[in-house]
Amino acid sequence: MTTSSASNTGSAGAWQARGAASWLALAASPTFALMAWIAANDAPPIALCSPGSSILPTGGMAVMYLLMSLFHLAPWLKLASSRPWART
């Protein structure tokens, strides 16, 4: 009976997929932070005294990207906590 390589968890392809997924998880937070910065800088300036202004003078997209960046921060926190210099 032959086993398929997809069911073999120790195969090289599975390890490569896990490595790519971890790099992709690390890339998410900085990418969303950059998108938030671009969206905030692209927004037209809003007068803080105008009746329609909100608390932050940024658009809704910048806030959404900032929240997404914070939501995807967990892999960075896990990486920082696993460093030996972080345990001092």
C-alpha atoms as a PDB file:
ATOM      1  CA  MET A   1       0.000   0.000   0.000  1.00  0.00           C
ATOM      2  CA  THR A   2       1.392   3.378  -0.979  1.00  0.00           C
ATOM      3  CA  THR A   3       0.982   6.591   0.990  1.00  0.00           C
ATOM      4  CA  SER A   4       0.560   9.909  -0.725  1.00  0.00           C
ATOM      5  CA  SER A   5       3.002  12.733  -0.075  1.00  0.00           C
ATOM      6  CA  ALA A   6       0.114  15.010   0.972  1.00  0.00           C
ATOM      7  CA  SER A   7      -0.696  12.799   3.951  1.00  0.00           C
ATOM      8  CA  ASN A   8       2.966  12.557   4.982  1.00  0.00           C
ATOM      9  CA  THR A   9       3.492  15.390   7.492  1.00  0.00           C
ATOM     10  CA  GLY A  10       7.265  14.990   7.485  1.00  0.00           C
ATOM     11  CA  SER A  11       7.690  15.612   3.771  1.00  0.00           C
ATOM     12  CA  ALA A  12       9.789  18.463   2.439  1.00  0.00           C
ATOM     13  CA  GLY A  13       6.766  20.060   0.794  1.00  0.00           C
ATOM     14  CA  ALA A  14       4.918  20.297   4.087  1.00  0.00           C
ATOM     15  CA  TRP A  15       7.923  21.913   5.756  1.00  0.00           C
ATOM     16  CA  GLN A  16       8.242  24.399   2.897  1.00  0.00           C
ATOM     17  CA  ALA A  17       4.540  25.239   3.160  1.00  0.00           C
ATOM     18  CA  ARG A  18       4.860  25.856   6.902  1.00  0.00           C
ATOM     19  CA  GLY A  19       7.898  28.058   6.317  1.00  0.00           C
ATOM     20  CA  ALA A  20       6.092  30.085   3.662  1.00  0.00           C
ATOM     21  CA  ALA A  21       3.051  30.446   5.911  1.00  0.00           C
ATOM     22  CA  SER A  22       5.161  31.729   8.801  1.00  0.00           C
ATOM     23  CA  TRP A  23       6.883  34.290   6.567  1.00  0.00           C
ATOM     24  CA  LEU A  24       3.507  35.353   5.208  1.00  0.00           C
ATOM     25  CA  ALA A  25       2.193  35.787   8.759  1.00  0.00           C
ATOM     26  CA  LEU A  26       5.204  37.977   9.576  1.00  0.00           C
ATOM     27  CA  ALA A  27       4.640  40.066   6.443  1.00  0.00           C
ATOM     28  CA  ALA A  28       0.988  40.878   7.186  1.00  0.00           C
ATOM     29  CA  SER A  29       1.376  43.369  10.039  1.00  0.00           C
ATOM     30  CA  PRO A  30       4.036  45.616   8.438  1.00  0.00           C
ATOM     31  CA  THR A  31       2.142  45.549   5.148  1.00  0.00           C
ATOM     32  CA  PHE A  32      -1.077  46.728   6.780  1.00  0.00           C
ATOM     33  CA  ALA A  33       0.844  49.367   8.773  1.00  0.00           C
ATOM     34  CA  LEU A  34       2.343  50.687   5.526  1.00  0.00           C
ATOM     35  CA  MET A  35      -1.098  50.715   3.902  1.00  0.00           C
ATOM     36  CA  ALA A  36      -2.483  52.639   6.903  1.00  0.00           C
ATOM     37  CA  TRP A  37       0.317  55.191   6.584  1.00  0.00           C
ATOM     38  CA  ILE A  38      -0.308  55.588   2.836  1.00  0.00           C
ATOM     39  CA  ALA A  39      -4.070  55.919   3.366  1.00  0.00           C
ATOM     40  CA  ALA A  40      -3.530  58.497   6.126  1.00  0.00           C
ATOM     41  CA  ASN A  41      -1.128  60.554   4.001  1.00  0.00           C
ATOM     42  CA  ASP A  42      -3.368  60.356   0.941  1.00  0.00           C
ATOM     43  CA  ALA A  43      -6.385  61.643   2.854  1.00  0.00           C
ATOM     44  CA  PRO A  44      -7.296  65.259   2.224  1.00  0.00           C
ATOM     45  CA  PRO A  45      -6.588  67.530   5.173  1.00  0.00           C
ATOM     46  CA  ILE A  46      -9.647  67.973   7.388  1.00  0.00           C
ATOM     47  CA  ALA A  47     -10.134  71.035   9.529  1.00  0.00           C
ATOM     48  CA  LEU A  48     -10.335  70.000  13.165  1.00  0.00           C
ATOM     49  CA  CYS A  49     -12.940  72.693  13.888  1.00  0.00           C
ATOM     50  CA  SER A  50     -15.343  71.691  11.143  1.00  0.00           C
ATOM     51  CA  PRO A  51     -18.672  70.236  12.288  1.00  0.00           C
ATOM     52  CA  GLY A  52     -18.167  67.007  10.319  1.00  0.00           C
ATOM     53  CA  SER A  53     -14.715  66.195  11.652  1.00  0.00           C
ATOM     54  CA  SER A  54     -14.072  63.113  13.718  1.00  0.00           C
ATOM     55  CA  ILE A  55     -11.592  62.593  16.525  1.00  0.00           C
ATOM     56  CA  LEU A  56      -8.828  61.536  14.133  1.00  0.00           C
ATOM     57  CA  PRO A  57      -8.221  63.540  10.965  1.00  0.00           C
ATOM     58  CA  THR A  58      -7.777  60.331   8.951  1.00  0.00           C
ATOM     59  CA  GLY A  59     -10.198  58.452   6.782  1.00  0.00           C
ATOM     60  CA  GLY A  60     -11.921  55.219   7.643  1.00  0.00           C
ATOM     61  CA  MET A  61      -9.557  53.146   5.508  1.00  0.00           C
ATOM     62  CA  ALA A  62      -6.494  54.266   7.495  1.00  0.00           C
ATOM     63  CA  VAL A  63      -8.183  53.246  10.747  1.00  0.00           C
ATOM     64  CA  MET A  64      -9.206  49.905   9.261  1.00  0.00           C
ATOM     65  CA  TYR A  65      -5.647  49.170   8.072  1.00  0.00           C
ATOM     66  CA  LEU A  66      -4.254  50.190  11.462  1.00  0.00           C
ATOM     67  CA  LEU A  67      -6.641  47.801  13.235  1.00  0.00           C
ATOM     68  CA  MET A  68      -5.741  45.018  10.807  1.00  0.00           C
ATOM     69  CA  SER A  69      -2.061  45.671  11.496  1.00  0.00           C
ATOM     70  CA  LEU A  70      -2.661  45.373  15.241  1.00  0.00           C
ATOM     71  CA  PHE A  71      -4.733  42.220  14.740  1.00  0.00           C
ATOM     72  CA  HIS A  72      -1.895  40.566  12.775  1.00  0.00           C
ATOM     73  CA  LEU A  73       0.783  41.533  15.331  1.00  0.00           C
ATOM     74  CA  ALA A  74       0.673  38.164  17.153  1.00  0.00           C
ATOM     75  CA  PRO A  75       3.405  36.420  15.067  1.00  0.00           C
ATOM     76  CA  TRP A  76       5.775  39.320  15.787  1.00  0.00           C
ATOM     77  CA  LEU A  77       5.028  39.124  19.514  1.00  0.00           C
ATOM     78  CA  LYS A  78       5.579  35.360  19.487  1.00  0.00           C
ATOM     79  CA  LEU A  79       8.888  35.828  17.650  1.00  0.00           C
ATOM     80  CA  ALA A  80      10.032  38.523  20.072  1.00  0.00           C
ATOM     81  CA  SER A  81       9.117  36.441  23.117  1.00  0.00           C
ATOM     82  CA  SER A  82      11.085  33.430  21.833  1.00  0.00           C
ATOM     83  CA  ARG A  83      14.359  35.390  21.598  1.00  0.00           C
ATOM     84  CA  PRO A  84      16.862  34.710  24.401  1.00  0.00           C
ATOM     85  CA  TRP A  85      17.608  38.422  24.848  1.00  0.00           C
ATOM     86  CA  ALA A  86      13.925  39.116  25.478  1.00  0.00           C
ATOM     87  CA  ARG A  87      13.915  37.043  28.672  1.00  0.00           C
ATOM     88  CA  THR A  88      16.186  39.296  30.742  1.00  0.00           C
END
